[in-house]
N, C-alpha and C. Protein backbone atom coordinates (compact mmCIF):
# COMPACT_ATOMS: atom_id res chain seq x y z
N ARG A 1 -23.74 -65.16 -25.43
CA ARG A 1 -25.15 -65.34 -25.66
C ARG A 1 -25.86 -64.05 -25.68
N ALA A 2 -25.74 -63.15 -24.79
CA ALA A 2 -26.28 -61.88 -24.81
C ALA A 2 -25.96 -61.07 -26.06
N GLN A 3 -24.73 -61.12 -26.51
CA GLN A 3 -24.24 -60.42 -27.76
C GLN A 3 -25.11 -60.88 -28.82
N GLY A 4 -25.17 -62.22 -29.01
CA GLY A 4 -25.99 -62.91 -30.05
C GLY A 4 -27.52 -62.44 -30.05
N CYS A 5 -28.01 -62.41 -28.88
CA CYS A 5 -29.42 -62.10 -28.60
C CYS A 5 -29.75 -60.70 -29.22
N CYS A 6 -28.82 -59.73 -28.98
CA CYS A 6 -28.88 -58.36 -29.51
C CYS A 6 -29.06 -58.38 -30.91
N SER A 7 -28.05 -59.09 -31.56
CA SER A 7 -27.94 -59.17 -32.99
C SER A 7 -29.23 -59.83 -33.65
N GLU A 8 -29.67 -60.88 -32.97
CA GLU A 8 -30.85 -61.60 -33.48
C GLU A 8 -32.16 -60.68 -33.49
N ILE A 9 -32.20 -59.90 -32.48
CA ILE A 9 -33.43 -58.95 -32.44
C ILE A 9 -33.38 -58.03 -33.62
N ARG A 10 -32.16 -57.45 -33.96
CA ARG A 10 -32.15 -56.59 -35.05
C ARG A 10 -32.26 -57.33 -36.41
N THR A 11 -31.75 -58.55 -36.52
CA THR A 11 -31.80 -59.35 -37.71
C THR A 11 -33.17 -59.82 -38.10
N TYR A 12 -33.85 -60.51 -37.11
CA TYR A 12 -35.12 -61.13 -37.47
C TYR A 12 -36.34 -59.99 -37.43
N PHE A 13 -36.06 -58.92 -36.92
CA PHE A 13 -37.12 -57.95 -37.00
C PHE A 13 -36.65 -56.55 -37.57
N PRO A 14 -36.16 -56.61 -38.83
CA PRO A 14 -35.48 -55.44 -39.45
C PRO A 14 -36.48 -54.29 -39.59
N GLU A 15 -37.78 -54.49 -39.82
CA GLU A 15 -38.64 -53.52 -40.19
C GLU A 15 -39.38 -52.99 -38.85
N ASP A 16 -39.14 -53.71 -37.75
CA ASP A 16 -39.86 -53.37 -36.54
C ASP A 16 -38.96 -52.24 -35.74
N THR A 17 -39.43 -51.04 -35.72
CA THR A 17 -38.77 -49.98 -35.02
C THR A 17 -38.55 -50.24 -33.67
N LEU A 18 -39.52 -50.77 -32.91
CA LEU A 18 -39.42 -51.07 -31.52
C LEU A 18 -38.34 -52.16 -31.26
N ALA A 19 -38.40 -53.19 -32.02
CA ALA A 19 -37.38 -54.18 -31.88
C ALA A 19 -36.11 -53.77 -32.17
N ARG A 20 -35.87 -52.95 -33.21
CA ARG A 20 -34.52 -52.40 -33.54
C ARG A 20 -34.00 -51.60 -32.42
N ASN A 21 -34.95 -50.69 -31.89
CA ASN A 21 -34.46 -49.92 -30.73
C ASN A 21 -34.10 -50.78 -29.51
N MET A 22 -34.88 -51.82 -29.32
CA MET A 22 -34.45 -52.72 -28.23
C MET A 22 -33.15 -53.30 -28.26
N GLY A 23 -32.95 -53.79 -29.62
CA GLY A 23 -31.61 -54.41 -29.89
C GLY A 23 -30.50 -53.34 -29.77
N ASN A 24 -30.68 -52.12 -30.10
CA ASN A 24 -29.62 -51.07 -29.95
C ASN A 24 -29.38 -50.80 -28.44
N GLN A 25 -30.52 -50.81 -27.64
CA GLN A 25 -30.20 -50.55 -26.18
C GLN A 25 -29.62 -51.70 -25.54
N CYS A 26 -29.97 -52.86 -25.99
CA CYS A 26 -29.30 -54.02 -25.55
C CYS A 26 -27.76 -54.05 -25.80
N GLN A 27 -27.42 -53.59 -27.01
CA GLN A 27 -26.02 -53.51 -27.35
C GLN A 27 -25.34 -52.43 -26.53
N SER A 28 -25.98 -51.37 -26.28
CA SER A 28 -25.36 -50.27 -25.55
C SER A 28 -25.06 -50.68 -24.05
N MET A 29 -26.08 -51.42 -23.52
CA MET A 29 -25.84 -51.97 -22.18
C MET A 29 -24.64 -52.81 -22.11
N LEU A 30 -24.63 -53.75 -23.09
CA LEU A 30 -23.43 -54.70 -23.13
C LEU A 30 -22.16 -54.05 -23.27
N ASP A 31 -22.14 -53.01 -24.14
CA ASP A 31 -20.87 -52.11 -24.29
C ASP A 31 -20.48 -51.54 -22.94
N PHE A 32 -21.44 -51.07 -22.25
CA PHE A 32 -21.19 -50.39 -21.01
C PHE A 32 -20.66 -51.41 -19.97
N LEU A 33 -21.28 -52.45 -19.89
CA LEU A 33 -20.82 -53.40 -18.90
C LEU A 33 -19.62 -54.14 -19.25
N SER A 34 -19.14 -54.14 -20.45
CA SER A 34 -17.86 -54.65 -20.87
C SER A 34 -16.73 -53.73 -20.61
N ASN A 35 -17.08 -52.44 -20.41
CA ASN A 35 -16.02 -51.45 -20.16
C ASN A 35 -15.88 -51.30 -18.65
N ILE A 36 -16.64 -51.89 -17.81
CA ILE A 36 -16.51 -51.70 -16.36
C ILE A 36 -15.24 -52.36 -15.85
N ASP A 37 -14.45 -51.47 -15.18
CA ASP A 37 -13.27 -51.90 -14.55
C ASP A 37 -13.64 -52.38 -13.08
N VAL A 38 -13.64 -53.74 -12.87
CA VAL A 38 -14.08 -54.25 -11.56
C VAL A 38 -13.20 -53.81 -10.53
N GLU A 39 -11.94 -53.68 -10.78
CA GLU A 39 -10.98 -53.36 -9.74
C GLU A 39 -11.15 -51.86 -9.31
N GLU A 40 -11.42 -51.07 -10.36
CA GLU A 40 -11.72 -49.67 -10.10
C GLU A 40 -13.02 -49.51 -9.21
N LEU A 41 -13.94 -50.26 -9.58
CA LEU A 41 -15.32 -50.15 -8.87
C LEU A 41 -15.17 -50.64 -7.46
N GLU A 42 -14.36 -51.61 -7.13
CA GLU A 42 -14.06 -51.97 -5.76
C GLU A 42 -13.38 -50.95 -4.98
N ILE A 43 -12.33 -50.39 -5.69
CA ILE A 43 -11.59 -49.25 -4.96
C ILE A 43 -12.50 -48.13 -4.74
N TRP A 44 -13.30 -47.81 -5.71
CA TRP A 44 -14.26 -46.64 -5.55
C TRP A 44 -15.17 -46.86 -4.29
N ARG A 45 -15.73 -48.13 -4.19
CA ARG A 45 -16.59 -48.42 -3.03
C ARG A 45 -15.88 -48.16 -1.72
N SER A 46 -14.57 -48.60 -1.66
CA SER A 46 -13.75 -48.44 -0.42
C SER A 46 -13.48 -46.95 -0.20
N VAL A 47 -13.27 -46.25 -1.26
CA VAL A 47 -13.04 -44.85 -1.08
C VAL A 47 -14.20 -44.06 -0.49
N CYS A 48 -15.46 -44.49 -1.11
CA CYS A 48 -16.64 -43.83 -0.69
C CYS A 48 -17.00 -44.15 0.83
N GLU A 49 -16.69 -45.41 1.21
CA GLU A 49 -16.87 -45.80 2.61
C GLU A 49 -16.01 -45.05 3.48
N GLU A 50 -14.68 -44.85 3.15
CA GLU A 50 -13.81 -43.98 3.91
C GLU A 50 -14.22 -42.60 3.93
N ASP A 51 -14.43 -42.08 2.82
CA ASP A 51 -15.12 -40.63 2.61
C ASP A 51 -14.21 -39.62 3.32
N THR A 52 -12.93 -39.58 2.84
CA THR A 52 -11.95 -38.51 3.40
C THR A 52 -11.26 -37.91 2.16
N PRO A 53 -10.81 -36.75 2.42
CA PRO A 53 -10.09 -36.12 1.34
C PRO A 53 -8.96 -36.86 0.79
N ASP A 54 -8.19 -37.50 1.70
CA ASP A 54 -7.01 -38.39 1.21
C ASP A 54 -7.47 -39.51 0.37
N SER A 55 -8.57 -40.24 0.72
CA SER A 55 -8.97 -41.33 0.06
C SER A 55 -9.43 -40.94 -1.43
N TYR A 56 -10.14 -39.77 -1.54
CA TYR A 56 -10.49 -39.27 -2.81
C TYR A 56 -9.33 -38.94 -3.66
N ALA A 57 -8.39 -38.27 -3.00
CA ALA A 57 -7.13 -37.92 -3.72
C ALA A 57 -6.34 -39.14 -4.25
N SER A 58 -6.37 -40.14 -3.41
CA SER A 58 -5.73 -41.37 -3.79
C SER A 58 -6.37 -41.99 -5.04
N PHE A 59 -7.71 -42.01 -5.08
CA PHE A 59 -8.38 -42.41 -6.22
C PHE A 59 -8.13 -41.68 -7.55
N ILE A 60 -8.09 -40.40 -7.35
CA ILE A 60 -7.75 -39.52 -8.40
C ILE A 60 -6.40 -39.84 -9.02
N SER A 61 -5.42 -40.03 -8.20
CA SER A 61 -4.06 -40.38 -8.66
C SER A 61 -4.04 -41.70 -9.38
N LEU A 62 -4.94 -42.66 -8.95
CA LEU A 62 -4.93 -43.99 -9.55
C LEU A 62 -5.73 -44.03 -10.89
N TYR A 63 -6.75 -43.22 -10.99
CA TYR A 63 -7.68 -43.21 -12.10
C TYR A 63 -8.01 -41.73 -12.41
N PRO A 64 -7.00 -41.00 -12.92
CA PRO A 64 -7.27 -39.62 -13.16
C PRO A 64 -8.23 -39.32 -14.30
N LYS A 65 -8.41 -40.32 -15.34
CA LYS A 65 -9.48 -40.17 -16.43
C LYS A 65 -10.78 -40.83 -16.17
N SER A 66 -10.93 -41.38 -14.95
CA SER A 66 -12.15 -42.01 -14.61
C SER A 66 -13.24 -40.95 -14.51
N VAL A 67 -14.50 -41.39 -14.87
CA VAL A 67 -15.63 -40.46 -14.68
C VAL A 67 -15.94 -40.14 -13.20
N ARG A 68 -15.41 -41.04 -12.24
CA ARG A 68 -15.62 -40.92 -10.88
C ARG A 68 -14.61 -39.88 -10.36
N SER A 69 -13.65 -39.62 -10.98
CA SER A 69 -12.62 -38.59 -10.58
C SER A 69 -13.21 -37.24 -10.35
N GLN A 70 -14.14 -36.81 -11.22
CA GLN A 70 -14.70 -35.45 -11.04
C GLN A 70 -15.53 -35.43 -9.75
N PHE A 71 -16.24 -36.50 -9.48
CA PHE A 71 -16.94 -36.63 -8.19
C PHE A 71 -16.02 -36.47 -7.06
N ALA A 72 -14.91 -37.28 -7.24
CA ALA A 72 -13.93 -37.22 -6.01
C ALA A 72 -13.35 -35.85 -5.75
N LYS A 73 -13.19 -35.15 -7.03
CA LYS A 73 -12.68 -33.65 -6.90
C LYS A 73 -13.70 -32.76 -6.20
N ASP A 74 -14.89 -32.92 -6.59
CA ASP A 74 -16.12 -32.19 -5.99
C ASP A 74 -16.24 -32.49 -4.48
N ARG A 75 -16.00 -33.75 -4.13
CA ARG A 75 -16.16 -34.08 -2.72
C ARG A 75 -15.03 -33.48 -1.90
N ILE A 76 -13.68 -33.48 -2.53
CA ILE A 76 -12.59 -32.77 -1.86
C ILE A 76 -12.85 -31.33 -1.69
N SER A 77 -13.41 -30.80 -2.60
CA SER A 77 -13.89 -29.30 -2.57
C SER A 77 -14.79 -29.10 -1.47
N GLU A 78 -15.70 -30.05 -1.30
CA GLU A 78 -16.78 -29.85 -0.13
C GLU A 78 -16.10 -29.93 1.17
N PHE A 79 -15.13 -30.75 1.32
CA PHE A 79 -14.44 -30.91 2.58
C PHE A 79 -13.61 -29.56 2.87
N GLU A 80 -12.99 -28.97 1.76
CA GLU A 80 -12.24 -27.84 1.94
C GLU A 80 -13.13 -26.68 2.25
N ASP A 81 -14.21 -26.63 1.61
CA ASP A 81 -15.29 -25.56 1.82
C ASP A 81 -15.71 -25.62 3.30
N ASN A 82 -16.08 -26.88 3.74
CA ASN A 82 -16.52 -26.89 5.14
C ASN A 82 -15.42 -26.64 6.21
N ASP A 83 -14.18 -27.04 5.91
CA ASP A 83 -13.05 -26.70 6.73
C ASP A 83 -12.85 -25.20 6.90
N MET A 84 -12.87 -24.45 5.74
CA MET A 84 -12.65 -23.11 5.91
C MET A 84 -13.91 -22.35 6.51
N TRP A 85 -15.07 -22.84 6.32
CA TRP A 85 -16.26 -22.37 6.99
C TRP A 85 -16.17 -22.40 8.51
N ARG A 86 -15.68 -23.65 8.82
CA ARG A 86 -15.56 -23.89 10.35
C ARG A 86 -14.54 -22.90 10.90
N VAL A 87 -13.43 -22.47 10.25
CA VAL A 87 -12.50 -21.59 10.59
C VAL A 87 -13.12 -20.19 10.89
N TYR A 88 -13.97 -19.90 9.98
CA TYR A 88 -14.77 -18.57 10.00
C TYR A 88 -15.75 -18.63 11.23
N MET A 89 -16.49 -19.74 11.40
CA MET A 89 -17.37 -19.83 12.45
C MET A 89 -16.79 -19.73 13.77
N ASP A 90 -15.52 -20.30 13.83
CA ASP A 90 -14.74 -20.14 15.16
C ASP A 90 -14.18 -18.80 15.36
N PHE A 91 -13.91 -18.05 14.29
CA PHE A 91 -13.33 -16.68 14.38
C PHE A 91 -14.14 -15.79 13.37
N PRO A 92 -15.29 -15.40 13.61
CA PRO A 92 -16.09 -14.75 12.63
C PRO A 92 -15.70 -13.30 12.45
N THR A 93 -14.55 -13.13 11.85
CA THR A 93 -13.97 -11.76 11.51
C THR A 93 -14.23 -11.43 10.05
N TYR A 94 -14.02 -10.14 9.75
CA TYR A 94 -14.21 -9.66 8.51
C TYR A 94 -13.27 -10.31 7.52
N GLU A 95 -12.02 -10.47 7.98
CA GLU A 95 -10.92 -11.08 7.16
C GLU A 95 -11.27 -12.55 6.82
N ASN A 96 -11.77 -13.28 7.77
CA ASN A 96 -12.05 -14.71 7.54
C ASN A 96 -13.20 -14.88 6.59
N CYS A 97 -14.19 -14.05 6.82
CA CYS A 97 -15.39 -14.08 5.92
C CYS A 97 -15.01 -13.76 4.51
N LYS A 98 -14.24 -12.75 4.35
CA LYS A 98 -13.81 -12.32 3.00
C LYS A 98 -12.90 -13.35 2.39
N ALA A 99 -12.10 -13.98 3.19
CA ALA A 99 -11.36 -15.03 2.66
C ALA A 99 -12.14 -16.29 2.15
N TYR A 100 -13.17 -16.60 2.88
CA TYR A 100 -14.06 -17.68 2.50
C TYR A 100 -14.76 -17.37 1.28
N LEU A 101 -15.30 -16.22 1.03
CA LEU A 101 -16.05 -15.82 -0.12
C LEU A 101 -15.12 -15.73 -1.40
N GLU A 102 -13.91 -15.39 -1.07
CA GLU A 102 -12.94 -15.34 -2.30
C GLU A 102 -12.59 -16.76 -2.72
N ALA A 103 -12.38 -17.62 -1.71
CA ALA A 103 -12.02 -18.97 -1.94
C ALA A 103 -13.17 -19.83 -2.60
N PHE A 104 -14.31 -19.51 -2.13
CA PHE A 104 -15.52 -20.33 -2.57
C PHE A 104 -16.63 -19.33 -2.92
N PRO A 105 -16.53 -18.76 -4.12
CA PRO A 105 -17.55 -17.75 -4.57
C PRO A 105 -18.96 -18.42 -4.80
N GLU A 106 -18.94 -19.74 -4.88
CA GLU A 106 -20.33 -20.48 -4.99
C GLU A 106 -20.31 -21.55 -3.92
N GLY A 107 -19.81 -21.20 -2.84
CA GLY A 107 -19.65 -22.21 -1.73
C GLY A 107 -20.95 -22.60 -1.11
N LEU A 108 -20.73 -23.71 -0.27
CA LEU A 108 -21.98 -24.32 0.32
C LEU A 108 -22.64 -23.37 1.36
N HIS A 109 -21.93 -22.37 1.86
CA HIS A 109 -22.42 -21.42 2.86
C HIS A 109 -22.61 -20.09 2.35
N LEU A 110 -22.70 -19.97 1.01
CA LEU A 110 -22.63 -18.65 0.32
C LEU A 110 -23.65 -17.66 0.93
N GLU A 111 -24.82 -18.06 1.12
CA GLU A 111 -25.84 -17.07 1.48
C GLU A 111 -25.63 -16.47 2.88
N GLN A 112 -25.21 -17.32 3.79
CA GLN A 112 -25.02 -16.77 5.13
C GLN A 112 -23.72 -15.93 5.12
N ALA A 113 -22.67 -16.40 4.39
CA ALA A 113 -21.40 -15.62 4.24
C ALA A 113 -21.74 -14.25 3.76
N GLN A 114 -22.50 -14.16 2.66
CA GLN A 114 -22.70 -12.77 2.09
C GLN A 114 -23.53 -11.95 3.06
N ASN A 115 -24.48 -12.59 3.79
CA ASN A 115 -25.33 -11.76 4.72
C ASN A 115 -24.38 -11.26 5.85
N ASP A 116 -23.51 -12.15 6.43
CA ASP A 116 -22.58 -11.78 7.40
C ASP A 116 -21.57 -10.70 6.92
N PHE A 117 -21.14 -10.85 5.74
CA PHE A 117 -20.11 -9.87 5.16
C PHE A 117 -20.60 -8.48 5.03
N VAL A 118 -21.92 -8.34 4.81
CA VAL A 118 -22.42 -6.94 4.79
C VAL A 118 -22.22 -6.22 6.08
N ILE A 119 -22.49 -6.93 7.17
CA ILE A 119 -22.32 -6.35 8.44
C ILE A 119 -20.91 -6.22 8.92
N LEU A 120 -20.08 -7.33 8.60
CA LEU A 120 -18.72 -7.30 9.07
C LEU A 120 -17.83 -6.23 8.21
N GLU A 121 -18.13 -6.10 7.00
CA GLU A 121 -17.41 -5.08 6.26
C GLU A 121 -17.57 -3.74 6.70
N GLU A 122 -18.90 -3.32 6.96
CA GLU A 122 -19.11 -2.07 7.48
C GLU A 122 -18.53 -1.87 8.91
N ASN A 123 -18.50 -2.78 9.75
CA ASN A 123 -17.99 -2.64 11.01
C ASN A 123 -16.44 -2.48 10.92
N TRP A 124 -15.84 -3.19 9.97
CA TRP A 124 -14.40 -3.19 9.72
C TRP A 124 -13.98 -1.78 9.35
N TYR A 125 -14.73 -1.27 8.40
CA TYR A 125 -14.39 0.13 7.88
C TYR A 125 -14.62 1.11 9.01
N TRP A 126 -15.68 0.91 9.77
CA TRP A 126 -15.96 1.91 10.88
C TRP A 126 -14.87 1.84 11.96
N GLU A 127 -14.43 0.65 12.32
CA GLU A 127 -13.47 0.56 13.24
C GLU A 127 -12.09 0.97 12.88
N SER A 128 -11.88 1.04 11.62
CA SER A 128 -10.63 1.43 10.96
C SER A 128 -10.58 2.98 10.73
N ALA A 129 -11.72 3.66 10.94
CA ALA A 129 -11.90 5.02 10.62
C ALA A 129 -11.38 5.84 11.80
N THR A 130 -9.95 5.97 11.80
CA THR A 130 -9.40 6.71 13.00
C THR A 130 -8.99 8.09 12.60
N ASN A 131 -9.02 8.54 11.44
CA ASN A 131 -8.70 9.89 11.11
C ASN A 131 -9.68 10.46 10.04
N ARG A 132 -9.48 11.61 9.67
CA ARG A 132 -10.44 12.28 8.67
C ARG A 132 -10.58 11.55 7.32
N GLU A 133 -9.37 11.15 6.82
CA GLU A 133 -9.31 10.48 5.56
C GLU A 133 -10.22 9.11 5.61
N THR A 134 -9.93 8.31 6.64
CA THR A 134 -10.74 7.07 6.72
C THR A 134 -12.09 7.25 7.07
N LEU A 135 -12.41 8.22 7.85
CA LEU A 135 -13.85 8.59 8.05
C LEU A 135 -14.61 8.90 6.81
N LEU A 136 -13.97 9.77 5.92
CA LEU A 136 -14.53 10.03 4.69
C LEU A 136 -14.65 8.83 3.70
N GLN A 137 -13.63 7.92 3.93
CA GLN A 137 -13.79 6.73 3.07
C GLN A 137 -14.98 5.78 3.55
N TYR A 138 -15.22 5.83 4.92
CA TYR A 138 -16.32 5.07 5.39
C TYR A 138 -17.59 5.80 4.84
N MET A 139 -17.74 7.07 4.92
CA MET A 139 -18.88 7.76 4.51
C MET A 139 -19.17 7.65 3.00
N SER A 140 -18.08 7.56 2.29
CA SER A 140 -18.29 7.31 0.82
C SER A 140 -18.75 5.98 0.49
N LYS A 141 -18.30 4.94 1.21
CA LYS A 141 -18.61 3.55 0.90
C LYS A 141 -20.06 3.20 1.50
N PHE A 142 -20.32 3.83 2.57
CA PHE A 142 -21.69 3.51 3.32
C PHE A 142 -22.54 4.75 3.54
N PRO A 143 -23.01 5.38 2.46
CA PRO A 143 -23.79 6.57 2.55
C PRO A 143 -24.94 6.40 3.48
N ASN A 144 -25.51 5.16 3.55
CA ASN A 144 -26.64 4.91 4.41
C ASN A 144 -26.32 4.05 5.56
N GLY A 145 -24.97 3.98 5.94
CA GLY A 145 -24.51 3.18 7.04
C GLY A 145 -24.99 3.53 8.32
N ARG A 146 -24.91 2.59 9.23
CA ARG A 146 -25.29 2.75 10.66
C ARG A 146 -24.46 3.91 11.45
N TYR A 147 -23.23 4.09 11.02
CA TYR A 147 -22.45 5.04 11.63
C TYR A 147 -22.22 6.28 10.88
N PHE A 148 -23.02 6.50 9.83
CA PHE A 148 -22.80 7.67 9.00
C PHE A 148 -22.92 9.03 9.68
N ALA A 149 -23.92 9.13 10.50
CA ALA A 149 -24.15 10.41 11.27
C ALA A 149 -23.04 10.62 12.16
N GLU A 150 -22.51 9.66 12.80
CA GLU A 150 -21.43 9.78 13.79
C GLU A 150 -20.21 10.14 13.10
N ALA A 151 -19.98 9.58 12.00
CA ALA A 151 -18.75 9.79 11.20
C ALA A 151 -18.92 11.27 10.67
N SER A 152 -19.98 11.69 10.24
CA SER A 152 -20.09 13.06 9.74
C SER A 152 -19.82 14.10 10.90
N ASP A 153 -20.33 13.84 12.13
CA ASP A 153 -20.08 14.67 13.20
C ASP A 153 -18.56 14.79 13.54
N LYS A 154 -17.92 13.60 13.45
CA LYS A 154 -16.51 13.60 13.79
C LYS A 154 -15.65 14.48 12.76
N VAL A 155 -15.97 14.21 11.50
CA VAL A 155 -15.34 15.04 10.37
C VAL A 155 -15.62 16.47 10.63
N GLN A 156 -16.85 16.80 10.93
CA GLN A 156 -17.20 18.26 11.09
C GLN A 156 -16.49 18.82 12.30
N HIS A 157 -16.24 18.05 13.40
CA HIS A 157 -15.51 18.56 14.52
C HIS A 157 -13.99 18.67 14.20
N MET A 158 -13.50 17.62 13.48
CA MET A 158 -12.08 17.87 13.02
C MET A 158 -11.90 19.14 12.18
N ASP A 159 -12.73 19.37 11.33
CA ASP A 159 -12.74 20.59 10.44
C ASP A 159 -12.81 21.91 11.25
N ASP A 160 -13.68 21.77 12.38
CA ASP A 160 -13.89 22.93 13.22
C ASP A 160 -12.64 23.20 14.00
N VAL A 161 -12.07 22.14 14.52
CA VAL A 161 -10.81 22.35 15.29
C VAL A 161 -9.58 22.96 14.38
N GLU A 162 -9.52 22.34 13.18
CA GLU A 162 -8.53 22.79 12.25
C GLU A 162 -8.73 24.20 11.94
N SER A 163 -9.90 24.61 11.62
CA SER A 163 -10.23 25.97 11.30
C SER A 163 -9.96 26.93 12.44
N TRP A 164 -10.25 26.52 13.71
CA TRP A 164 -10.06 27.24 14.86
C TRP A 164 -8.38 27.57 15.03
N TYR A 165 -7.68 26.46 14.94
CA TYR A 165 -6.28 26.69 15.07
C TYR A 165 -5.65 27.58 13.95
N SER A 166 -6.21 27.53 12.81
CA SER A 166 -5.80 28.36 11.75
C SER A 166 -6.11 29.79 12.14
N ALA A 167 -7.32 30.08 12.69
CA ALA A 167 -7.61 31.40 13.13
C ALA A 167 -6.73 31.89 14.19
N THR A 168 -6.44 31.02 15.15
CA THR A 168 -5.64 31.52 16.32
C THR A 168 -4.15 31.77 15.82
N ASN A 169 -3.68 31.04 14.76
CA ASN A 169 -2.37 31.31 14.26
C ASN A 169 -2.23 32.69 13.52
N VAL A 170 -3.28 33.06 12.87
CA VAL A 170 -3.42 34.27 12.17
C VAL A 170 -3.66 35.44 13.22
N ASN A 171 -4.63 35.06 14.17
CA ASN A 171 -4.99 36.04 15.33
C ASN A 171 -5.31 37.35 14.88
N THR A 172 -6.33 37.44 13.87
CA THR A 172 -6.87 38.77 13.54
C THR A 172 -8.35 38.68 13.68
N ILE A 173 -8.99 39.90 13.72
CA ILE A 173 -10.45 39.90 13.78
C ILE A 173 -11.04 39.24 12.50
N GLU A 174 -10.47 39.46 11.37
CA GLU A 174 -10.92 38.85 10.11
C GLU A 174 -10.91 37.29 10.19
N ALA A 175 -9.82 36.78 10.73
CA ALA A 175 -9.64 35.30 10.89
C ALA A 175 -10.74 34.79 11.78
N TYR A 176 -10.97 35.33 12.83
CA TYR A 176 -11.94 34.92 13.87
C TYR A 176 -13.36 35.04 13.34
N GLU A 177 -13.54 36.09 12.62
CA GLU A 177 -15.00 36.37 11.96
C GLU A 177 -15.22 35.17 10.96
N LYS A 178 -14.08 34.95 10.15
CA LYS A 178 -14.23 33.90 9.16
C LYS A 178 -14.59 32.56 9.81
N TYR A 179 -13.89 32.21 10.90
CA TYR A 179 -14.17 31.05 11.58
C TYR A 179 -15.66 30.96 12.02
N MET A 180 -16.17 32.08 12.58
CA MET A 180 -17.50 32.18 13.04
C MET A 180 -18.40 32.01 11.98
N LYS A 181 -18.10 32.54 10.76
CA LYS A 181 -18.99 32.40 9.60
C LYS A 181 -19.17 31.10 9.14
N ASP A 182 -17.87 30.39 9.04
CA ASP A 182 -17.88 29.03 8.46
C ASP A 182 -18.49 28.02 9.64
N TYR A 183 -18.37 28.31 10.92
CA TYR A 183 -18.86 27.36 11.90
C TYR A 183 -19.77 28.18 12.90
N PRO A 184 -20.93 28.51 12.34
CA PRO A 184 -21.86 29.38 13.27
C PRO A 184 -22.20 28.63 14.66
N ASP A 185 -22.12 27.31 14.62
CA ASP A 185 -22.51 26.44 15.74
C ASP A 185 -21.12 25.83 16.25
N GLY A 186 -19.95 26.34 15.90
CA GLY A 186 -18.80 25.77 16.12
C GLY A 186 -18.38 25.69 17.68
N TYR A 187 -17.53 24.79 18.01
CA TYR A 187 -17.15 24.53 19.46
C TYR A 187 -16.42 25.64 20.07
N TYR A 188 -15.85 26.55 19.22
CA TYR A 188 -14.93 27.66 19.82
C TYR A 188 -15.58 29.03 19.55
N ILE A 189 -16.94 29.13 19.31
CA ILE A 189 -17.55 30.40 19.05
C ILE A 189 -17.34 31.42 20.13
N SER A 190 -17.53 30.90 21.43
CA SER A 190 -17.31 31.91 22.56
C SER A 190 -15.86 32.37 22.71
N GLN A 191 -14.87 31.50 22.33
CA GLN A 191 -13.52 31.94 22.41
C GLN A 191 -13.21 32.81 21.21
N ALA A 192 -13.89 32.64 20.11
CA ALA A 192 -13.68 33.55 18.99
C ALA A 192 -14.14 34.92 19.28
N ASN A 193 -15.32 35.06 19.96
CA ASN A 193 -15.85 36.30 20.44
C ASN A 193 -14.92 37.02 21.42
N GLN A 194 -14.42 36.25 22.35
CA GLN A 194 -13.57 36.85 23.41
C GLN A 194 -12.19 37.24 22.68
N ALA A 195 -11.72 36.52 21.75
CA ALA A 195 -10.53 36.86 21.09
C ALA A 195 -10.65 38.24 20.31
N ILE A 196 -11.84 38.35 19.57
CA ILE A 196 -12.12 39.60 18.83
C ILE A 196 -12.15 40.75 19.86
N LYS A 197 -12.86 40.55 21.00
CA LYS A 197 -13.03 41.60 21.95
C LYS A 197 -11.57 42.06 22.50
N MET A 198 -10.76 41.06 22.66
CA MET A 198 -9.39 41.39 23.24
C MET A 198 -8.66 42.16 22.18
N ILE A 199 -8.67 41.81 20.89
CA ILE A 199 -8.06 42.55 19.94
C ILE A 199 -8.61 43.98 19.83
N LYS A 200 -9.90 44.11 19.89
CA LYS A 200 -10.38 45.56 19.89
C LYS A 200 -10.05 46.39 20.99
N ASP A 201 -10.03 45.68 22.20
CA ASP A 201 -9.62 46.45 23.41
C ASP A 201 -8.13 46.94 23.37
N LYS A 202 -7.33 46.07 22.79
CA LYS A 202 -5.97 46.43 22.53
C LYS A 202 -5.81 47.60 21.53
N THR A 203 -6.62 47.57 20.49
CA THR A 203 -6.64 48.57 19.55
C THR A 203 -7.09 49.92 19.86
N TYR A 204 -8.10 49.84 20.72
CA TYR A 204 -8.67 51.15 21.23
C TYR A 204 -8.25 51.39 22.61
């Protein structure tokens, strides 16, 4: 009867645009209703009530081409997103934060993850800076970093020590004077002066 009604609207009012549109809309609704899979709809309701990754995965396997399958996939992604975020919240490390951002670049917790990562990444580089090379890496990556001044002091001290040992290996007035010129505030300035004095005393 409804099918006939739609046709009659278009037939008896062929010049009436509003009537024709109503008839077309009526037909579209009937086409939609005729395509509804009642069994799929019941299963979908059950899946939504259960609301678990497994239930959505089961629906996808049953109805891979259903328009609801994309929603099911999105819902599974939400579960995975939240699960990985909980891992990070339980162990808020640089590695876990990085893993979350790589897995979910548009994740549900993106803003907080990005804010945390800025701090965690710098801390990770700083804690890993155990020699001259890694200190320079930190300074290059974080020129305005919280530990830049301390890193710079450490590198300068390492260079100071290396230059001093080089001078002592040569053990000449010129070598000590070069050390003093390169490091006028160096840690070994007094030792350099003493070494020069000893060499001069032996010479004369």
